[in-house]
Amino acid sequence: MWDAIDVGPRFFETMGISIVRGRAFSENDFTSDTVDSRSREPRSATRSERAAFFRRMGPFVVNESFERLRFDGADPMQGGSPIVGIVKDVKLFGVKEDVRPLMFLVSRRPSRIGALQVRTAGNPEVAERAIAEAIRRVNPQLLGAISTLGEVTGQSIAKERMVATISGFFGVMGMVLAAMGIFGIASSAVAQRTKELGIRRALGAGQWPLVRDSLRETLVMMAVGLTAGLLGAFVALRVTAHLTAELLFGLSATDAANLAGSFTVIMLVGIGACAVPAVRATRIDPLICIRED
């Protein structure tokens, strides 16, 4: 199935919808003598009569989803077809909804226009005041709510934005707490080996080999912990996927970029937590470590 939408002149240009092939509606399309898009075809029409009726209802513009659904690779504009153009798929009914197959029809009923779209290059607030004043001069009863496209989009995802903000806050707090815990454990583990590092330094071991050995041990432990954590996260996300699916659009619950970012931050914190005390320990005078031991 597909949806049909009546549009006015310069609709695609105003809404920023790109033409893939063919053309958009012209001014002549709205003044030509064709059948109204709301008219019904004769009940007892033959196949050829229905085809002729369909052509007289045109011209039409369809989106790419409609082309794939109805024509399956064939050219929808060949053989005298009333389809004059193909436009890119867009979401006109909400950013959370899937792209629908759409057929755009020439609107020949100006009195039944449901909404007026205006594109401006200047300040939207100035344009809103000018539009409202112009409508009031014609008929004050026609004036409805005036909103920018950004405001309409923001209102449609207000709940999701609130959930994302709260989830992001707790996610960042969880990552900070995890980083603090890793930093404390790694620093404590290296601090307990201060005497050992000092003695090995006194026996001739180089500074950077000692730091490298400390980093290797820490990275092994972190790799095991992060692997277990990632597996646990995937399992938890699979279990709760049906709860979060309706709140996500444009990404999945197991978004690789977010998981990779968290993994990188934890790794950097662990490396820093190990490297800083290890370097500090190797700079202690070896004689002090020997006397204390």
Protein backbone atom coordinates (compact mmCIF):
# COMPACT_ATOMS: atom_id res chain seq x y z
CA MET A 1 0.00 0.00 0.00
CA TRP A 2 0.97 3.61 -0.44
CA ASP A 3 -0.21 7.07 0.63
CA ALA A 4 -1.36 9.89 -1.66
CA ILE A 5 -0.78 13.54 -0.73
CA ASP A 6 -2.19 16.65 -2.41
CA VAL A 7 0.49 19.34 -2.69
CA GLY A 8 0.63 22.86 -4.03
CA PRO A 9 3.07 24.67 -6.34
CA ARG A 10 6.79 24.56 -5.40
CA PHE A 11 6.13 22.06 -2.62
CA PHE A 12 9.31 20.08 -3.18
CA GLU A 13 11.49 23.18 -3.40
CA THR A 14 9.95 24.59 -0.23
CA MET A 15 10.37 21.38 1.76
CA GLY A 16 13.88 20.73 0.41
CA ILE A 17 12.95 17.40 -1.20
CA SER A 18 15.43 16.49 -3.94
CA ILE A 19 14.32 15.41 -7.41
CA VAL A 20 16.02 12.14 -8.37
CA ARG A 21 14.74 11.91 -11.95
CA GLY A 22 12.25 13.74 -14.08
CA ARG A 23 10.80 17.02 -12.87
CA ALA A 24 8.71 18.55 -10.12
CA PHE A 25 5.26 20.01 -10.70
CA SER A 26 5.13 23.16 -12.80
CA GLU A 27 2.65 26.04 -12.63
CA ASN A 28 0.85 24.67 -15.70
CA ASP A 29 0.12 21.40 -13.89
CA PHE A 30 -2.12 23.26 -11.44
CA THR A 31 -4.12 25.07 -14.13
CA SER A 32 -4.44 22.34 -16.77
CA ASP A 33 -7.82 20.75 -17.49
CA THR A 34 -7.46 17.35 -15.82
CA VAL A 35 -9.54 15.21 -13.49
CA ASP A 36 -9.55 16.22 -9.85
CA SER A 37 -7.38 13.92 -7.73
CA ARG A 38 -10.34 13.20 -5.43
CA SER A 39 -12.60 12.08 -8.27
CA ARG A 40 -13.56 8.43 -8.58
CA GLU A 41 -13.18 6.38 -11.71
CA PRO A 42 -16.36 4.99 -13.35
CA ARG A 43 -17.46 1.74 -11.68
CA SER A 44 -18.00 -0.13 -14.95
CA ALA A 45 -14.88 1.17 -16.67
CA THR A 46 -12.85 -1.11 -18.85
CA ARG A 47 -9.10 -1.55 -18.39
CA SER A 48 -8.31 0.96 -21.14
CA GLU A 49 -10.82 3.43 -19.68
CA ARG A 50 -9.26 3.08 -16.24
CA ALA A 51 -5.80 3.67 -17.72
CA ALA A 52 -7.08 6.78 -19.53
CA PHE A 53 -8.74 8.02 -16.33
CA PHE A 54 -5.51 7.49 -14.42
CA ARG A 55 -3.55 9.48 -17.02
CA ARG A 56 -6.06 12.34 -16.86
CA MET A 57 -5.68 12.51 -13.09
CA GLY A 58 -1.98 13.21 -13.51
CA PRO A 59 0.64 14.40 -13.46
CA PHE A 60 2.03 12.55 -10.46
CA VAL A 61 5.33 12.61 -8.62
CA VAL A 62 6.31 9.56 -6.58
CA ASN A 63 9.11 8.78 -4.16
CA GLU A 64 11.76 6.08 -4.52
CA SER A 65 9.89 3.65 -2.25
CA PHE A 66 6.81 3.89 -4.48
CA GLU A 67 8.99 3.24 -7.54
CA ARG A 68 10.49 0.11 -5.98
CA LEU A 69 7.09 -1.12 -4.77
CA ARG A 70 5.09 -0.67 -7.96
CA PHE A 71 7.62 -0.87 -10.79
CA ASP A 72 10.39 -3.20 -9.54
CA GLY A 73 13.21 -1.76 -11.63
CA ALA A 74 11.10 -0.61 -14.62
CA ASP A 75 10.99 3.05 -15.59
CA PRO A 76 7.73 4.51 -14.20
CA MET A 77 7.91 7.50 -16.55
CA GLN A 78 7.93 5.66 -19.86
CA GLY A 79 5.08 4.90 -22.29
CA GLY A 80 3.00 8.02 -21.70
CA SER A 81 2.86 7.50 -17.94
CA PRO A 82 1.37 10.40 -15.93
CA ILE A 83 4.29 10.07 -13.48
CA VAL A 84 6.58 12.98 -14.30
CA GLY A 85 9.18 12.77 -11.53
CA ILE A 86 10.83 10.67 -8.81
CA VAL A 87 11.85 12.29 -5.51
CA LYS A 88 14.02 11.05 -2.66
CA ASP A 89 12.42 9.21 0.22
CA VAL A 90 11.48 11.53 3.08
CA LYS A 91 9.62 11.17 6.36
CA LEU A 92 6.62 13.50 6.24
CA PHE A 93 4.65 11.86 9.06
CA GLY A 94 7.25 11.84 11.83
CA VAL A 95 10.93 11.05 12.27
CA LYS A 96 10.12 7.85 14.18
CA GLU A 97 8.11 6.30 11.37
CA ASP A 98 9.46 4.22 8.53
CA VAL A 99 9.63 5.73 5.05
CA ARG A 100 6.37 5.12 3.19
CA PRO A 101 5.70 4.77 -0.53
CA LEU A 102 4.19 8.14 -1.49
CA MET A 103 2.35 9.51 -4.52
CA PHE A 104 2.16 13.29 -4.71
CA LEU A 105 -0.91 14.70 -6.45
CA VAL A 106 -1.62 18.13 -7.87
CA SER A 107 -3.96 19.95 -5.47
CA ARG A 108 -6.82 21.71 -7.27
CA ARG A 109 -8.83 22.58 -4.20
CA PRO A 110 -7.15 25.65 -2.65
CA SER A 111 -10.09 26.07 -0.27
CA ARG A 112 -9.22 22.74 1.38
CA ILE A 113 -5.54 23.40 2.06
CA GLY A 114 -4.70 21.89 5.42
CA ALA A 115 -1.37 23.62 5.96
CA LEU A 116 0.81 26.25 4.37
CA GLN A 117 4.57 25.67 4.14
CA VAL A 118 6.87 28.66 3.79
CA ARG A 119 10.63 28.64 3.22
CA THR A 120 12.63 31.67 4.33
CA ALA A 121 16.31 32.54 4.19
CA GLY A 122 16.02 35.12 6.97
CA ASN A 123 14.94 35.11 10.60
CA PRO A 124 12.00 32.67 11.01
CA GLU A 125 10.44 34.84 13.74
CA VAL A 126 10.25 37.83 11.41
CA ALA A 127 8.71 35.65 8.71
CA GLU A 128 6.16 34.27 11.20
CA ARG A 129 4.96 37.77 12.13
CA ALA A 130 4.70 38.81 8.48
CA ILE A 131 2.77 35.65 7.53
CA ALA A 132 0.39 35.99 10.49
CA GLU A 133 -0.32 39.63 9.61
CA ALA A 134 -0.98 38.78 5.96
CA ILE A 135 -3.42 36.00 6.92
CA ARG A 136 -5.24 38.26 9.38
CA ARG A 137 -5.82 40.83 6.67
CA VAL A 138 -7.46 38.18 4.48
CA ASN A 139 -9.42 36.21 7.10
CA PRO A 140 -8.46 36.03 10.81
CA GLN A 141 -10.29 32.71 11.15
CA LEU A 142 -7.77 31.05 8.83
CA LEU A 143 -4.88 31.71 11.18
CA GLY A 144 -3.75 28.61 13.05
CA ALA A 145 -0.58 27.70 14.90
CA ILE A 146 2.65 28.78 13.21
CA SER A 147 5.70 26.65 13.90
CA THR A 148 9.12 26.16 12.37
CA LEU A 149 10.15 22.77 11.06
CA GLY A 150 12.64 22.47 13.90
CA GLU A 151 9.91 23.10 16.48
CA VAL A 152 7.61 20.52 14.90
CA THR A 153 10.43 17.97 14.85
CA GLY A 154 11.36 18.76 18.45
CA GLN A 155 7.78 18.34 19.65
CA SER A 156 7.48 14.97 17.91
CA ILE A 157 10.50 13.58 19.77
CA ALA A 158 10.08 15.41 23.09
CA LYS A 159 9.60 12.19 25.06
CA GLU A 160 12.52 10.47 23.38
CA ARG A 161 14.74 13.51 23.96
CA MET A 162 13.88 13.54 27.66
CA VAL A 163 14.58 9.81 27.98
CA ALA A 164 17.85 10.25 26.05
CA THR A 165 18.94 13.10 28.34
CA ILE A 166 18.22 11.12 31.51
CA SER A 167 19.80 7.96 30.11
CA GLY A 168 22.84 9.90 28.91
CA PHE A 169 23.29 11.48 32.35
CA PHE A 170 23.19 8.16 34.17
CA GLY A 171 25.35 6.57 31.47
CA VAL A 172 28.04 9.23 31.90
CA MET A 173 27.83 8.93 35.69
CA GLY A 174 28.19 5.16 35.44
CA MET A 175 31.21 5.49 33.18
CA VAL A 176 32.79 8.06 35.54
CA LEU A 177 32.27 5.77 38.54
CA ALA A 178 33.70 2.83 36.60
CA ALA A 179 36.70 4.92 35.55
CA MET A 180 37.29 6.05 39.15
CA GLY A 181 37.14 2.45 40.37
CA ILE A 182 39.58 1.26 37.70
CA PHE A 183 41.91 4.17 38.42
CA GLY A 184 41.90 3.42 42.16
CA ILE A 185 42.49 -0.32 41.74
CA ALA A 186 45.24 0.12 39.15
CA SER A 187 47.00 2.81 41.18
CA SER A 188 46.80 0.70 44.34
CA ALA A 189 48.18 -2.37 42.56
CA VAL A 190 51.17 -0.43 41.25
CA ALA A 191 51.73 1.34 44.58
CA GLN A 192 52.01 -2.03 46.35
CA ARG A 193 54.85 -2.89 43.99
CA THR A 194 56.82 0.31 44.63
CA LYS A 195 59.55 -1.46 46.60
CA GLU A 196 59.79 -4.23 44.02
CA LEU A 197 60.15 -1.69 41.21
CA GLY A 198 62.75 0.24 43.18
CA ILE A 199 64.83 -2.88 43.87
CA ARG A 200 64.65 -3.98 40.24
CA ARG A 201 65.73 -0.46 39.29
CA ALA A 202 68.71 -0.73 41.68
CA LEU A 203 69.69 -4.02 40.08
CA GLY A 204 69.95 -2.33 36.70
CA ALA A 205 66.50 -2.70 35.16
CA GLY A 206 65.59 0.15 32.82
CA GLN A 207 62.79 2.60 33.64
CA TRP A 208 60.63 1.97 30.57
CA PRO A 209 60.85 -1.86 30.74
CA LEU A 210 59.50 -1.64 34.29
CA VAL A 211 56.64 0.62 33.17
CA ARG A 212 55.95 -1.68 30.24
CA ASP A 213 55.72 -4.72 32.51
CA SER A 214 53.27 -2.89 34.78
CA LEU A 215 51.17 -1.83 31.81
CA ARG A 216 51.13 -5.37 30.40
CA GLU A 217 49.72 -6.83 33.61
CA THR A 218 47.09 -4.11 33.88
CA LEU A 219 46.04 -4.40 30.25
CA VAL A 220 45.57 -8.16 30.57
CA MET A 221 43.26 -7.70 33.56
CA MET A 222 41.38 -4.89 31.83
CA ALA A 223 40.98 -6.90 28.64
CA VAL A 224 39.40 -9.75 30.60
CA GLY A 225 37.11 -7.37 32.47
CA LEU A 226 36.07 -5.40 29.38
CA THR A 227 35.38 -8.57 27.42
CA ALA A 228 33.12 -9.84 30.18
CA GLY A 229 31.49 -6.41 30.42
CA LEU A 230 30.80 -6.22 26.68
CA LEU A 231 29.29 -9.70 26.66
CA GLY A 232 27.10 -8.76 29.60
CA ALA A 233 26.07 -5.52 27.88
CA PHE A 234 25.08 -7.36 24.70
CA VAL A 235 23.00 -9.84 26.67
CA ALA A 236 21.29 -7.05 28.63
CA LEU A 237 20.59 -5.08 25.43
CA ARG A 238 19.13 -8.15 23.74
CA VAL A 239 16.82 -8.71 26.68
CA THR A 240 15.66 -5.07 26.78
CA ALA A 241 15.66 -4.46 23.01
CA HIS A 242 11.88 -4.61 22.77
CA LEU A 243 11.62 -1.92 25.47
CA THR A 244 14.08 0.49 23.83
CA ALA A 245 13.24 -0.11 20.15
CA GLU A 246 10.41 2.44 20.05
CA LEU A 247 12.63 5.09 21.67
CA LEU A 248 15.44 4.72 19.13
CA PHE A 249 15.53 5.91 15.53
CA GLY A 250 18.58 6.24 13.34
CA LEU A 251 20.61 3.81 15.48
CA SER A 252 20.32 0.44 17.16
CA ALA A 253 20.49 -0.54 20.82
CA THR A 254 23.90 -2.09 20.14
CA ASP A 255 25.27 0.99 18.40
CA ALA A 256 28.93 0.25 17.67
CA ALA A 257 30.10 3.87 17.99
CA ASN A 258 28.79 4.24 21.56
CA LEU A 259 30.20 0.89 22.69
CA ALA A 260 33.56 1.63 21.06
CA GLY A 261 33.66 5.07 22.67
CA SER A 262 33.00 3.67 26.15
CA PHE A 263 35.57 0.91 25.58
CA THR A 264 38.20 3.47 24.53
CA VAL A 265 37.58 5.76 27.51
CA ILE A 266 37.88 2.88 30.00
CA MET A 267 41.09 1.66 28.33
CA LEU A 268 42.68 5.12 28.41
CA VAL A 269 41.76 5.57 32.07
CA GLY A 270 43.27 2.18 32.94
CA ILE A 271 46.49 2.89 31.06
CA GLY A 272 46.83 6.29 32.71
CA ALA A 273 46.06 4.86 36.16
CA CYS A 274 48.84 2.31 35.74
CA ALA A 275 51.42 4.40 33.91
CA VAL A 276 51.43 7.43 36.24
CA PRO A 277 52.25 5.57 39.51
CA ALA A 278 54.61 3.19 37.68
CA VAL A 279 56.67 6.08 36.31
CA ARG A 280 56.63 7.72 39.75
CA ALA A 281 57.81 4.51 41.42
CA THR A 282 60.72 4.06 39.01
CA ARG A 283 61.95 7.57 39.84
CA ILE A 284 62.33 6.79 43.56
CA ASP A 285 65.93 6.48 44.73
CA PRO A 286 66.67 2.69 44.73
CA LEU A 287 68.76 3.07 47.92
CA ILE A 288 65.68 4.26 49.82
CA CYS A 289 63.74 1.17 48.72
CA ILE A 290 66.61 -1.16 49.75
CA ARG A 291 66.99 0.42 53.22
CA GLU A 292 63.20 0.19 53.82
CA ASP A 293 63.15 -3.43 52.70
